């Protein structure tokens, strides 16, 4: 996939928000079920080992959907998605979405990563 303009990345993010929300919800349920099963609690309201495997399979599907757009999954907890782009002067950047954001409003230079995160102009 190529580079995203800010507008293109915002359009893709709008389409992905329900997917990203499902990842966050399912990630939490799977973590709780995994901890319950590891403690020997047995089946829980969320089920047992088969349900946990199903949750992991669904998470894989959802993460693949994100990556098929050309966006890059950079973190799982918290969820972090980058859209490759360039600044007007040609500097390679990633337009950066972090779990909890409802819009795309940040970027960072590709060579700096998340510590260089700044608001979009």
PDB file of N, CA and C in Angstrom:
ATOM      1  N   UNK A   1       0.848  -1.182   0.000  1.00  0.00           N
ATOM      2  CA  UNK A   1       0.000   0.000   0.000  1.00  0.00           C
ATOM      3  C   UNK A   1       0.892   1.244   0.000  1.00  0.00           C
ATOM      4  N   UNK A   2       0.324   2.326  -0.470  1.00  0.00           N
ATOM      5  CA  UNK A   2       1.082   3.550  -0.558  1.00  0.00           C
ATOM      6  C   UNK A   2       0.915   4.434   0.659  1.00  0.00           C
ATOM      7  N   UNK A   3       1.183   5.698   0.435  1.00  0.00           N
ATOM      8  CA  UNK A   3       1.065   6.675   1.506  1.00  0.00           C
ATOM      9  C   UNK A   3      -0.361   7.204   1.565  1.00  0.00           C
ATOM     10  N   UNK A   4      -0.756   7.610   2.746  1.00  0.00           N
ATOM     11  CA  UNK A   4      -2.071   8.194   2.982  1.00  0.00           C
ATOM     12  C   UNK A   4      -1.957   9.702   3.065  1.00  0.00           C
ATOM     13  N   UNK A   5      -2.933  10.403   2.492  1.00  0.00           N
ATOM     14  CA  UNK A   5      -3.099  11.815   2.830  1.00  0.00           C
ATOM     15  C   UNK A   5      -3.830  11.843   4.173  1.00  0.00           C
ATOM     16  N   UNK A   6      -3.866  12.982   4.806  1.00  0.00           N
ATOM     17  CA  UNK A   6      -4.597  13.103   6.066  1.00  0.00           C
ATOM     18  C   UNK A   6      -6.071  12.776   5.839  1.00  0.00           C
ATOM     19  N   UNK A   7      -6.652  13.297   4.771  1.00  0.00           N
ATOM     20  CA  UNK A   7      -8.065  13.039   4.493  1.00  0.00           C
ATOM     21  C   UNK A   7      -8.328  11.550   4.241  1.00  0.00           C
ATOM     22  N   UNK A   8      -7.446  10.899   3.477  1.00  0.00           N
ATOM     23  CA  UNK A   8      -7.612   9.459   3.224  1.00  0.00           C
ATOM     24  C   UNK A   8      -7.522   8.663   4.522  1.00  0.00           C
ATOM     25  N   UNK A   9      -6.541   8.988   5.350  1.00  0.00           N
ATOM     26  CA  UNK A   9      -6.379   8.280   6.617  1.00  0.00           C
ATOM     27  C   UNK A   9      -7.593   8.486   7.518  1.00  0.00           C
ATOM     28  N   UNK A  10      -8.135   9.690   7.525  1.00  0.00           N
ATOM     29  CA  UNK A  10      -9.336   9.951   8.330  1.00  0.00           C
ATOM     30  C   UNK A  10     -10.529   9.158   7.823  1.00  0.00           C
ATOM     31  N   UNK A  11     -10.660   9.016   6.504  1.00  0.00           N
ATOM     32  CA  UNK A  11     -11.757   8.217   5.935  1.00  0.00           C
ATOM     33  C   UNK A  11     -11.614   6.749   6.335  1.00  0.00           C
ATOM     34  N   UNK A  12     -10.406   6.216   6.213  1.00  0.00           N
ATOM     35  CA  UNK A  12     -10.172   4.817   6.576  1.00  0.00           C
ATOM     36  C   UNK A  12     -10.410   4.626   8.071  1.00  0.00           C
ATOM     37  N   UNK A  13      -9.938   5.559   8.885  1.00  0.00           N
ATOM     38  CA  UNK A  13     -10.143   5.446  10.326  1.00  0.00           C
ATOM     39  C   UNK A  13     -11.630   5.434  10.659  1.00  0.00           C
ATOM     40  N   UNK A  14     -12.406   6.286  10.008  1.00  0.00           N
ATOM     41  CA  UNK A  14     -13.855   6.312  10.268  1.00  0.00           C
ATOM     42  C   UNK A  14     -14.474   4.945   9.983  1.00  0.00           C
ATOM     43  N   UNK A  15     -14.023   4.295   8.923  1.00  0.00           N
ATOM     44  CA  UNK A  15     -14.522   2.953   8.590  1.00  0.00           C
ATOM     45  C   UNK A  15     -14.020   1.915   9.595  1.00  0.00           C
ATOM     46  N   UNK A  16     -12.831   2.127  10.137  1.00  0.00           N
ATOM     47  CA  UNK A  16     -12.221   1.156  11.048  1.00  0.00           C
ATOM     48  C   UNK A  16     -12.652   1.310  12.503  1.00  0.00           C
ATOM     49  N   UNK A  17     -13.218   2.444  12.883  1.00  0.00           N
ATOM     50  CA  UNK A  17     -13.550   2.643  14.298  1.00  0.00           C
ATOM     51  C   UNK A  17     -14.390   1.516  14.889  1.00  0.00           C
ATOM     52  N   UNK A  18     -15.429   1.012  14.197  1.00  0.00           N
ATOM     53  CA  UNK A  18     -16.166  -0.117  14.785  1.00  0.00           C
ATOM     54  C   UNK A  18     -15.290  -1.360  14.959  1.00  0.00           C
ATOM     55  N   UNK A  19     -14.378  -1.591  14.030  1.00  0.00           N
ATOM     56  CA  UNK A  19     -13.451  -2.730  14.128  1.00  0.00           C
ATOM     57  C   UNK A  19     -12.521  -2.529  15.318  1.00  0.00           C
ATOM     58  N   UNK A  20     -11.974  -1.331  15.449  1.00  0.00           N
ATOM     59  CA  UNK A  20     -11.058  -1.029  16.556  1.00  0.00           C
ATOM     60  C   UNK A  20     -11.777  -1.127  17.893  1.00  0.00           C
ATOM     61  N   UNK A  21     -13.011  -0.645  17.954  1.00  0.00           N
ATOM     62  CA  UNK A  21     -13.795  -0.759  19.186  1.00  0.00           C
ATOM     63  C   UNK A  21     -14.023  -2.225  19.550  1.00  0.00           C
ATOM     64  N   UNK A  22     -14.299  -3.058  18.547  1.00  0.00           N
ATOM     65  CA  UNK A  22     -14.507  -4.483  18.821  1.00  0.00           C
ATOM     66  C   UNK A  22     -13.213  -5.134  19.306  1.00  0.00           C
ATOM     67  N   UNK A  23     -12.083  -4.744  18.732  1.00  0.00           N
ATOM     68  CA  UNK A  23     -10.797  -5.286  19.191  1.00  0.00           C
ATOM     69  C   UNK A  23     -10.603  -4.968  20.674  1.00  0.00           C
ATOM     70  N   UNK A  24     -10.836  -3.725  21.064  1.00  0.00           N
ATOM     71  CA  UNK A  24     -10.635  -3.309  22.456  1.00  0.00           C
ATOM     72  C   UNK A  24     -11.550  -4.107  23.393  1.00  0.00           C
ATOM     73  N   UNK A  25     -12.815  -4.235  23.023  1.00  0.00           N
ATOM     74  CA  UNK A  25     -13.768  -4.967  23.857  1.00  0.00           C
ATOM     75  C   UNK A  25     -13.390  -6.442  23.962  1.00  0.00           C
ATOM     76  N   UNK A  26     -13.105  -7.042  22.833  1.00  0.00           N
ATOM     77  CA  UNK A  26     -12.776  -8.470  22.801  1.00  0.00           C
ATOM     78  C   UNK A  26     -11.451  -8.745  23.500  1.00  0.00           C
ATOM     79  N   UNK A  27     -10.496  -7.841  23.363  1.00  0.00           N
ATOM     80  CA  UNK A  27      -9.201  -7.996  24.039  1.00  0.00           C
ATOM     81  C   UNK A  27      -9.409  -8.081  25.548  1.00  0.00           C
ATOM     82  N   UNK A  28     -10.273  -7.222  26.091  1.00  0.00           N
ATOM     83  CA  UNK A  28     -10.547  -7.228  27.528  1.00  0.00           C
ATOM     84  C   UNK A  28     -11.236  -8.499  27.979  1.00  0.00           C
ATOM     85  N   UNK A  29     -12.238  -8.930  27.208  1.00  0.00           N
ATOM     86  CA  UNK A  29     -12.948 -10.170  27.556  1.00  0.00           C
ATOM     87  C   UNK A  29     -12.001 -11.372  27.507  1.00  0.00           C
ATOM     88  N   UNK A  30     -11.158 -11.424  26.482  1.00  0.00           N
ATOM     89  CA  UNK A  30     -10.220 -12.544  26.350  1.00  0.00           C
ATOM     90  C   UNK A  30      -9.202 -12.538  27.490  1.00  0.00           C
ATOM     91  N   UNK A  31      -8.744 -11.373  27.896  1.00  0.00           N
ATOM     92  CA  UNK A  31      -7.784 -11.293  29.002  1.00  0.00           C
ATOM     93  C   UNK A  31      -8.417 -11.790  30.298  1.00  0.00           C
ATOM     94  N   UNK A  32      -9.656 -11.395  30.545  1.00  0.00           N
ATOM     95  CA  UNK A  32     -10.344 -11.841  31.756  1.00  0.00           C
ATOM     96  C   UNK A  32     -10.585 -13.342  31.733  1.00  0.00           C
ATOM     97  N   UNK A  33     -11.052 -13.859  30.601  1.00  0.00           N
ATOM     98  CA  UNK A  33     -11.309 -15.287  30.497  1.00  0.00           C
ATOM     99  C   UNK A  33     -10.015 -16.075  30.649  1.00  0.00           C
ATOM    100  N   UNK A  34      -8.956 -15.613  30.042  1.00  0.00           N
ATOM    101  CA  UNK A  34      -7.658 -16.285  30.150  1.00  0.00           C
ATOM    102  C   UNK A  34      -7.193 -16.335  31.601  1.00  0.00           C
ATOM    103  N   UNK A  35      -7.332 -15.220  32.315  1.00  0.00           N
ATOM    104  CA  UNK A  35      -6.923 -15.178  33.727  1.00  0.00           C
ATOM    105  C   UNK A  35      -7.790 -16.106  34.568  1.00  0.00           C
ATOM    106  N   UNK A  36      -9.090 -16.116  34.313  1.00  0.00           N
ATOM    107  CA  UNK A  36      -9.986 -17.001  35.061  1.00  0.00           C
ATOM    108  C   UNK A  36      -9.640 -18.460  34.825  1.00  0.00           C
ATOM    109  N   UNK A  37      -9.376 -18.815  33.572  1.00  0.00           N
ATOM    110  CA  UNK A  37      -9.039 -20.201  33.263  1.00  0.00           C
ATOM    111  C   UNK A  37      -7.688 -20.591  33.868  1.00  0.00           C
ATOM    112  N   UNK A  38      -6.728 -19.664  33.857  1.00  0.00           N
ATOM    113  CA  UNK A  38      -5.408 -19.942  34.429  1.00  0.00           C
ATOM    114  C   UNK A  38      -5.484 -20.149  35.936  1.00  0.00           C
ATOM    115  N   UNK A  39      -6.451 -19.507  36.589  1.00  0.00           N
ATOM    116  CA  UNK A  39      -6.586 -19.641  38.045  1.00  0.00           C
ATOM    117  C   UNK A  39      -7.351 -20.906  38.423  1.00  0.00           C
ATOM    118  N   UNK A  40      -7.812 -21.645  37.413  1.00  0.00           N
ATOM    119  CA  UNK A  40      -8.554 -22.869  37.692  1.00  0.00           C
ATOM    120  C   UNK A  40     -10.009 -22.628  38.004  1.00  0.00           C
ATOM    121  N   UNK A  41     -10.526 -21.463  37.673  1.00  0.00           N
ATOM    122  CA  UNK A  41     -11.908 -21.118  37.998  1.00  0.00           C
ATOM    123  C   UNK A  41     -12.916 -21.956  37.204  1.00  0.00           C
ATOM    124  N   UNK A  42     -12.448 -22.629  36.157  1.00  0.00           N
ATOM    125  CA  UNK A  42     -13.376 -23.416  35.356  1.00  0.00           C
ATOM    126  C   UNK A  42     -14.181 -22.524  34.439  1.00  0.00           C
ATOM    127  N   UNK A  43     -15.237 -23.078  33.845  1.00  0.00           N
ATOM    128  CA  UNK A  43     -16.051 -22.266  32.930  1.00  0.00           C
ATOM    129  C   UNK A  43     -16.603 -21.024  33.631  1.00  0.00           C
ATOM    130  N   UNK A  44     -16.658 -19.959  32.881  1.00  0.00           N
ATOM    131  CA  UNK A  44     -17.114 -18.671  33.393  1.00  0.00           C
ATOM    132  C   UNK A  44     -18.313 -18.234  32.550  1.00  0.00           C
ATOM    133  N   UNK A  45     -18.936 -17.102  32.863  1.00  0.00           N
ATOM    134  CA  UNK A  45     -20.025 -16.608  32.000  1.00  0.00           C
ATOM    135  C   UNK A  45     -19.570 -16.416  30.546  1.00  0.00           C
ATOM    136  N   UNK A  46     -18.265 -16.170  30.328  1.00  0.00           N
ATOM    137  CA  UNK A  46     -17.738 -16.031  28.966  1.00  0.00           C
ATOM    138  C   UNK A  46     -17.367 -17.372  28.351  1.00  0.00           C
ATOM    139  N   UNK A  47     -17.465 -18.458  29.122  1.00  0.00           N
ATOM    140  CA  UNK A  47     -17.179 -19.780  28.581  1.00  0.00           C
ATOM    141  C   UNK A  47     -15.895 -20.369  29.117  1.00  0.00           C
ATOM    142  N   UNK A  48     -15.301 -21.201  28.298  1.00  0.00           N
ATOM    143  CA  UNK A  48     -14.076 -21.898  28.666  1.00  0.00           C
ATOM    144  C   UNK A  48     -13.042 -21.784  27.559  1.00  0.00           C
ATOM    145  N   UNK A  49     -12.185 -22.784  27.466  1.00  0.00           N
ATOM    146  CA  UNK A  49     -11.090 -22.760  26.496  1.00  0.00           C
ATOM    147  C   UNK A  49     -11.579 -22.639  25.043  1.00  0.00           C
ATOM    148  N   UNK A  50     -12.644 -23.353  24.636  1.00  0.00           N
ATOM    149  CA  UNK A  50     -13.098 -23.180  23.243  1.00  0.00           C
ATOM    150  C   UNK A  50     -13.503 -21.736  22.930  1.00  0.00           C
ATOM    151  N   UNK A  51     -14.165 -21.082  23.875  1.00  0.00           N
ATOM    152  CA  UNK A  51     -14.574 -19.685  23.658  1.00  0.00           C
ATOM    153  C   UNK A  51     -13.356 -18.765  23.601  1.00  0.00           C
ATOM    154  N   UNK A  52     -12.347 -19.049  24.434  1.00  0.00           N
ATOM    155  CA  UNK A  52     -11.126 -18.246  24.406  1.00  0.00           C
ATOM    156  C   UNK A  52     -10.434 -18.380  23.051  1.00  0.00           C
ATOM    157  N   UNK A  53     -10.363 -19.595  22.541  1.00  0.00           N
ATOM    158  CA  UNK A  53      -9.755 -19.805  21.220  1.00  0.00           C
ATOM    159  C   UNK A  53     -10.560 -19.069  20.148  1.00  0.00           C
ATOM    160  N   UNK A  54     -11.887 -19.073  20.280  1.00  0.00           N
ATOM    161  CA  UNK A  54     -12.726 -18.337  19.342  1.00  0.00           C
ATOM    162  C   UNK A  54     -12.471 -16.842  19.404  1.00  0.00           C
ATOM    163  N   UNK A  55     -12.281 -16.324  20.616  1.00  0.00           N
ATOM    164  CA  UNK A  55     -11.980 -14.890  20.775  1.00  0.00           C
ATOM    165  C   UNK A  55     -10.660 -14.551  20.103  1.00  0.00           C
ATOM    166  N   UNK A  56      -9.654 -15.402  20.301  1.00  0.00           N
ATOM    167  CA  UNK A  56      -8.344 -15.147  19.677  1.00  0.00           C
ATOM    168  C   UNK A  56      -8.444 -15.195  18.159  1.00  0.00           C
ATOM    169  N   UNK A  57      -9.223 -16.127  17.634  1.00  0.00           N
ATOM    170  CA  UNK A  57      -9.409 -16.207  16.182  1.00  0.00           C
ATOM    171  C   UNK A  57     -10.089 -14.940  15.661  1.00  0.00           C
ATOM    172  N   UNK A  58     -11.100 -14.467  16.377  1.00  0.00           N
ATOM    173  CA  UNK A  58     -11.795 -13.243  15.966  1.00  0.00           C
ATOM    174  C   UNK A  58     -10.860 -12.038  16.031  1.00  0.00           C
ATOM    175  N   UNK A  59     -10.032 -11.959  17.076  1.00  0.00           N
ATOM    176  CA  UNK A  59      -9.061 -10.865  17.162  1.00  0.00           C
ATOM    177  C   UNK A  59      -8.113 -10.892  15.969  1.00  0.00           C
ATOM    178  N   UNK A  60      -7.660 -12.077  15.574  1.00  0.00           N
ATOM    179  CA  UNK A  60      -6.783 -12.195  14.400  1.00  0.00           C
ATOM    180  C   UNK A  60      -7.492 -11.668  13.146  1.00  0.00           C
ATOM    181  N   UNK A  61      -8.769 -12.029  12.966  1.00  0.00           N
ATOM    182  CA  UNK A  61      -9.543 -11.544  11.817  1.00  0.00           C
ATOM    183  C   UNK A  61      -9.631 -10.018  11.813  1.00  0.00           C
ATOM    184  N   UNK A  62      -9.944  -9.459  12.971  1.00  0.00           N
ATOM    185  CA  UNK A  62     -10.106  -8.006  13.071  1.00  0.00           C
ATOM    186  C   UNK A  62      -8.793  -7.284  12.801  1.00  0.00           C
ATOM    187  N   UNK A  63      -7.703  -7.800  13.345  1.00  0.00           N
ATOM    188  CA  UNK A  63      -6.404  -7.159  13.128  1.00  0.00           C
ATOM    189  C   UNK A  63      -5.990  -7.260  11.660  1.00  0.00           C
ATOM    190  N   UNK A  64      -6.334  -8.371  11.012  1.00  0.00           N
ATOM    191  CA  UNK A  64      -6.057  -8.507   9.577  1.00  0.00           C
ATOM    192  C   UNK A  64      -6.840  -7.464   8.790  1.00  0.00           C
ATOM    193  N   UNK A  65      -8.096  -7.229   9.170  1.00  0.00           N
ATOM    194  CA  UNK A  65      -8.901  -6.196   8.490  1.00  0.00           C
ATOM    195  C   UNK A  65      -8.238  -4.834   8.568  1.00  0.00           C
ATOM    196  N   UNK A  66      -7.681  -4.505   9.732  1.00  0.00           N
ATOM    197  CA  UNK A  66      -6.987  -3.222   9.889  1.00  0.00           C
ATOM    198  C   UNK A  66      -5.797  -3.168   8.939  1.00  0.00           C
ATOM    199  N   UNK A  67      -4.994  -4.209   8.934  1.00  0.00           N
ATOM    200  CA  UNK A  67      -3.771  -4.212   8.129  1.00  0.00           C
ATOM    201  C   UNK A  67      -4.064  -4.227   6.631  1.00  0.00           C
ATOM    202  N   UNK A  68      -5.193  -4.802   6.217  1.00  0.00           N
ATOM    203  CA  UNK A  68      -5.544  -4.832   4.796  1.00  0.00           C
ATOM    204  C   UNK A  68      -5.808  -3.440   4.236  1.00  0.00           C
ATOM    205  N   UNK A  69      -6.068  -2.472   5.072  1.00  0.00           N
ATOM    206  CA  UNK A  69      -6.292  -1.097   4.609  1.00  0.00           C
ATOM    207  C   UNK A  69      -4.989  -0.390   4.270  1.00  0.00           C
ATOM    208  N   UNK A  70      -3.867  -0.954   4.684  1.00  0.00           N
ATOM    209  CA  UNK A  70      -2.579  -0.288   4.531  1.00  0.00           C
ATOM    210  C   UNK A  70      -2.120   0.378   5.813  1.00  0.00           C
ATOM    211  N   UNK A  71      -3.007   0.438   6.814  1.00  0.00           N
ATOM    212  CA  UNK A  71      -2.628   0.956   8.131  1.00  0.00           C
ATOM    213  C   UNK A  71      -1.731  -0.076   8.813  1.00  0.00           C
ATOM    214  N   UNK A  72      -0.941   0.393   9.766  1.00  0.00           N
ATOM    215  CA  UNK A  72      -0.008  -0.480  10.474  1.00  0.00           C
ATOM    216  C   UNK A  72      -0.403  -0.554  11.940  1.00  0.00           C
ATOM    217  N   UNK A  73      -0.615  -1.779  12.430  1.00  0.00           N
ATOM    218  CA  UNK A  73      -0.869  -1.979  13.861  1.00  0.00           C
ATOM    219  C   UNK A  73       0.466  -1.919  14.570  1.00  0.00           C
ATOM    220  N   UNK A  74       0.634  -0.953  15.457  1.00  0.00           N
ATOM    221  CA  UNK A  74       1.909  -0.775  16.155  1.00  0.00           C
ATOM    222  C   UNK A  74       1.830  -1.199  17.611  1.00  0.00           C
ATOM    223  N   UNK A  75       0.626  -1.341  18.140  1.00  0.00           N
ATOM    224  CA  UNK A  75       0.472  -1.752  19.530  1.00  0.00           C
ATOM    225  C   UNK A  75      -0.874  -2.413  19.721  1.00  0.00           C
ATOM    226  N   UNK A  76      -0.934  -3.330  20.685  1.00  0.00           N
ATOM    227  CA  UNK A  76      -2.157  -4.074  20.948  1.00  0.00           C
ATOM    228  C   UNK A  76      -2.807  -3.633  22.253  1.00  0.00           C
ATOM    229  N   UNK A  77      -2.007  -3.265  23.236  1.00  0.00           N
ATOM    230  CA  UNK A  77      -2.537  -2.815  24.526  1.00  0.00           C
ATOM    231  C   UNK A  77      -1.594  -1.743  25.071  1.00  0.00           C
ATOM    232  N   UNK A  78      -1.874  -0.485  24.851  1.00  0.00           N
ATOM    233  CA  UNK A  78      -3.041   0.052  24.156  1.00  0.00           C
ATOM    234  C   UNK A  78      -2.928  -0.136  22.640  1.00  0.00           C
ATOM    235  N   UNK A  79      -4.075  -0.113  22.004  1.00  0.00           N
ATOM    236  CA  UNK A  79      -4.152  -0.255  20.553  1.00  0.00           C
ATOM    237  C   UNK A  79      -3.595   1.011  19.909  1.00  0.00           C
ATOM    238  N   UNK A  80      -2.681   0.811  18.968  1.00  0.00           N
ATOM    239  CA  UNK A  80      -2.014   1.929  18.296  1.00  0.00           C
ATOM    240  C   UNK A  80      -1.966   1.616  16.803  1.00  0.00           C
ATOM    241  N   UNK A  81      -2.463   2.546  15.986  1.00  0.00           N
ATOM    242  CA  UNK A  81      -2.514   2.362  14.541  1.00  0.00           C
ATOM    243  C   UNK A  81      -1.839   3.559  13.878  1.00  0.00           C
ATOM    244  N   UNK A  82      -0.924   3.261  12.945  1.00  0.00           N
ATOM    245  CA  UNK A  82      -0.235   4.303  12.188  1.00  0.00           C
ATOM    246  C   UNK A  82      -0.609   4.204  10.712  1.00  0.00           C
ATOM    247  N   UNK A  83      -0.691   5.369  10.074  1.00  0.00           N
ATOM    248  CA  UNK A  83      -0.949   5.471   8.647  1.00  0.00           C
ATOM    249  C   UNK A  83       0.275   6.139   8.016  1.00  0.00           C
ATOM    250  N   UNK A  84       1.042   5.425   7.189  1.00  0.00           N
ATOM    251  CA  UNK A  84       2.223   6.036   6.566  1.00  0.00           C
ATOM    252  C   UNK A  84       1.829   7.247   5.723  1.00  0.00           C
ATOM    253  N   UNK A  85       2.617   8.308   5.828  1.00  0.00           N
ATOM    254  CA  UNK A  85       2.312   9.549   5.117  1.00  0.00           C
ATOM    255  C   UNK A  85       3.589  10.352   4.952  1.00  0.00           C
ATOM    256  N   UNK A  86       3.468  11.506   4.346  1.00  0.00           N
ATOM    257  CA  UNK A  86       4.561  12.469   4.215  1.00  0.00           C
ATOM    258  C   UNK A  86       4.035  13.843   4.603  1.00  0.00           C
ATOM    259  N   UNK A  87       4.898  14.639   5.222  1.00  0.00           N
ATOM    260  CA  UNK A  87       4.568  16.054   5.425  1.00  0.00           C
ATOM    261  C   UNK A  87       4.716  16.779   4.086  1.00  0.00           C
ATOM    262  N   UNK A  88       4.229  17.991   4.016  1.00  0.00           N
ATOM    263  CA  UNK A  88       4.300  18.777   2.777  1.00  0.00           C
ATOM    264  C   UNK A  88       5.737  18.911   2.278  1.00  0.00           C
ATOM    265  N   UNK A  89       6.720  18.915   3.199  1.00  0.00           N
ATOM    266  CA  UNK A  89       8.118  19.052   2.781  1.00  0.00           C
ATOM    267  C   UNK A  89       8.753  17.706   2.424  1.00  0.00           C
ATOM    268  N   UNK A  90       7.949  16.616   2.437  1.00  0.00           N
ATOM    269  CA  UNK A  90       8.456  15.299   2.065  1.00  0.00           C
ATOM    270  C   UNK A  90       8.970  14.463   3.220  1.00  0.00           C
ATOM    271  N   UNK A  91       8.938  14.994   4.443  1.00  0.00           N
ATOM    272  CA  UNK A  91       9.396  14.238   5.601  1.00  0.00           C
ATOM    273  C   UNK A  91       8.474  13.040   5.831  1.00  0.00           C
ATOM    274  N   UNK A  92       9.036  11.809   5.892  1.00  0.00           N
ATOM    275  CA  UNK A  92       8.197  10.637   6.150  1.00  0.00           C
ATOM    276  C   UNK A  92       7.665  10.655   7.582  1.00  0.00           C
ATOM    277  N   UNK A  93       6.340  10.497   7.701  1.00  0.00           N
ATOM    278  CA  UNK A  93       5.690  10.507   9.010  1.00  0.00           C
ATOM    279  C   UNK A  93       4.675   9.373   9.082  1.00  0.00           C
ATOM    280  N   UNK A  94       4.209   9.129  10.268  1.00  0.00           N
ATOM    281  CA  UNK A  94       3.063   8.258  10.491  1.00  0.00           C
ATOM    282  C   UNK A  94       1.962   9.105  11.117  1.00  0.00           C
ATOM    283  N   UNK A  95       0.787   9.080  10.495  1.00  0.00           N
ATOM    284  CA  UNK A  95      -0.392   9.675  11.111  1.00  0.00           C
ATOM    285  C   UNK A  95      -0.818   8.669  12.168  1.00  0.00           C
ATOM    286  N   UNK A  96      -0.987   9.124  13.389  1.00  0.00           N
ATOM    287  CA  UNK A  96      -1.005   8.238  14.550  1.00  0.00           C
ATOM    288  C   UNK A  96      -2.337   8.271  15.285  1.00  0.00           C
ATOM    289  N   UNK A  97      -2.973   7.099  15.412  1.00  0.00           N
ATOM    290  CA  UNK A  97      -4.209   6.958  16.181  1.00  0.00           C
ATOM    291  C   UNK A  97      -3.923   6.068  17.381  1.00  0.00           C
ATOM    292  N   UNK A  98      -4.358   6.504  18.553  1.00  0.00           N
ATOM    293  CA  UNK A  98      -4.169   5.772  19.801  1.00  0.00           C
ATOM    294  C   UNK A  98      -5.526   5.438  20.397  1.00  0.00           C
ATOM    295  N   UNK A  99      -5.644   4.246  20.920  1.00  0.00           N
ATOM    296  CA  UNK A  99      -6.876   3.810  21.588  1.00  0.00           C
ATOM    297  C   UNK A  99      -7.426   4.938  22.466  1.00  0.00           C
ATOM    298  N   UNK A 100      -8.712   5.190  22.319  1.00  0.00           N
ATOM    299  CA  UNK A 100      -9.365   6.265  23.067  1.00  0.00           C
ATOM    300  C   UNK A 100      -9.608   7.501  22.215  1.00  0.00           C
ATOM    301  N   UNK A 101      -8.769   7.697  21.181  1.00  0.00           N
ATOM    302  CA  UNK A 101      -8.989   8.808  20.251  1.00  0.00           C
ATOM    303  C   UNK A 101     -10.229   8.502  19.422  1.00  0.00           C
ATOM    304  N   UNK A 102     -11.017   9.513  19.100  1.00  0.00           N
ATOM    305  CA  UNK A 102     -12.171   9.304  18.233  1.00  0.00           C
ATOM    306  C   UNK A 102     -11.928   9.892  16.849  1.00  0.00           C
ATOM    307  N   UNK A 103     -10.775  10.514  16.665  1.00  0.00           N
ATOM    308  CA  UNK A 103     -10.413  11.052  15.356  1.00  0.00           C
ATOM    309  C   UNK A 103      -8.905  10.984  15.200  1.00  0.00           C
ATOM    310  N   UNK A 104      -8.445  11.228  13.999  1.00  0.00           N
ATOM    311  CA  UNK A 104      -7.016  11.230  13.703  1.00  0.00           C
ATOM    312  C   UNK A 104      -6.511  12.657  13.833  1.00  0.00           C
ATOM    313  N   UNK A 105      -5.721  12.917  14.865  1.00  0.00           N
ATOM    314  CA  UNK A 105      -5.287  14.290  15.127  1.00  0.00           C
ATOM    315  C   UNK A 105      -3.795  14.385  15.453  1.00  0.00           C
ATOM    316  N   UNK A 106      -3.052  13.285  15.310  1.00  0.00           N
ATOM    317  CA  UNK A 106      -1.647  13.261  15.711  1.00  0.00           C
ATOM    318  C   UNK A 106      -0.770  12.657  14.617  1.00  0.00           C
ATOM    319  N   UNK A 107       0.507  12.988  14.654  1.00  0.00           N
ATOM    320  CA  UNK A 107       1.484  12.376  13.757  1.00  0.00           C
ATOM    321  C   UNK A 107       2.821  12.314  14.481  1.00  0.00           C
ATOM    322  N   UNK A 108       3.732  11.530  13.924  1.00  0.00           N
ATOM    323  CA  UNK A 108       5.126  11.542  14.390  1.00  0.00           C
ATOM    324  C   UNK A 108       6.017  11.188  13.215  1.00  0.00           C
ATOM    325  N   UNK A 109       7.225  11.713  13.235  1.00  0.00           N
ATOM    326  CA  UNK A 109       8.197  11.346  12.204  1.00  0.00           C
ATOM    327  C   UNK A 109       8.449   9.849  12.289  1.00  0.00           C
ATOM    328  N   UNK A 110       8.673   9.223  11.151  1.00  0.00           N
ATOM    329  CA  UNK A 110       8.902   7.784  11.147  1.00  0.00           C
ATOM    330  C   UNK A 110      10.161   7.404  11.920  1.00  0.00           C
ATOM    331  N   UNK A 111      11.161   8.248  11.900  1.00  0.00           N
ATOM    332  CA  UNK A 111      12.409   7.919  12.589  1.00  0.00           C
ATOM    333  C   UNK A 111      12.332   8.127  14.098  1.00  0.00           C
ATOM    334  N   UNK A 112      11.284   8.792  14.581  1.00  0.00           N
ATOM    335  CA  UNK A 112      11.159   9.047  16.011  1.00  0.00           C
ATOM    336  C   UNK A 112      10.166   8.128  16.700  1.00  0.00           C
ATOM    337  N   UNK A 113       9.165   7.671  15.981  1.00  0.00           N
ATOM    338  CA  UNK A 113       8.150   6.834  16.600  1.00  0.00           C
ATOM    339  C   UNK A 113       7.287   7.611  17.577  1.00  0.00           C
ATOM    340  N   UNK A 114       6.585   6.860  18.411  1.00  0.00           N
ATOM    341  CA  UNK A 114       5.592   7.445  19.316  1.00  0.00           C
ATOM    342  C   UNK A 114       6.130   8.562  20.212  1.00  0.00           C
ATOM    343  N   UNK A 115       7.384   8.484  20.708  1.00  0.00           N
ATOM    344  CA  UNK A 115       7.865   9.589  21.555  1.00  0.00           C
ATOM    345  C   UNK A 115       7.872  10.948  20.845  1.00  0.00           C
ATOM    346  N   UNK A 116       7.882  10.955  19.513  1.00  0.00           N
ATOM    347  CA  UNK A 116       7.860  12.208  18.771  1.00  0.00           C
ATOM    348  C   UNK A 116       6.460  12.645  18.373  1.00  0.00           C
ATOM    349  N   UNK A 117       5.449  12.065  18.970  1.00  0.00           N
ATOM    350  CA  UNK A 117       4.044  12.337  18.617  1.00  0.00           C
ATOM    351  C   UNK A 117       3.691  13.803  18.846  1.00  0.00           C
ATOM    352  N   UNK A 118       3.071  14.408  17.823  1.00  0.00           N
ATOM    353  CA  UNK A 118       2.694  15.819  17.888  1.00  0.00           C
ATOM    354  C   UNK A 118       1.316  15.996  17.257  1.00  0.00           C
ATOM    355  N   UNK A 119       0.586  17.054  17.642  1.00  0.00           N
ATOM    356  CA  UNK A 119      -0.713  17.308  17.009  1.00  0.00           C
ATOM    357  C   UNK A 119      -0.538  17.676  15.540  1.00  0.00           C
ATOM    358  N   UNK A 120      -1.469  17.218  14.706  1.00  0.00           N
ATOM    359  CA  UNK A 120      -1.450  17.633  13.294  1.00  0.00           C
ATOM    360  C   UNK A 120      -1.681  19.137  13.210  1.00  0.00           C
ATOM    361  N   UNK A 121      -0.980  19.784  12.273  1.00  0.00           N
ATOM    362  CA  UNK A 121      -1.190  21.245  12.125  1.00  0.00           C
ATOM    363  C   UNK A 121      -2.583  21.560  11.595  1.00  0.00           C
TER     364      UNK A 121
END
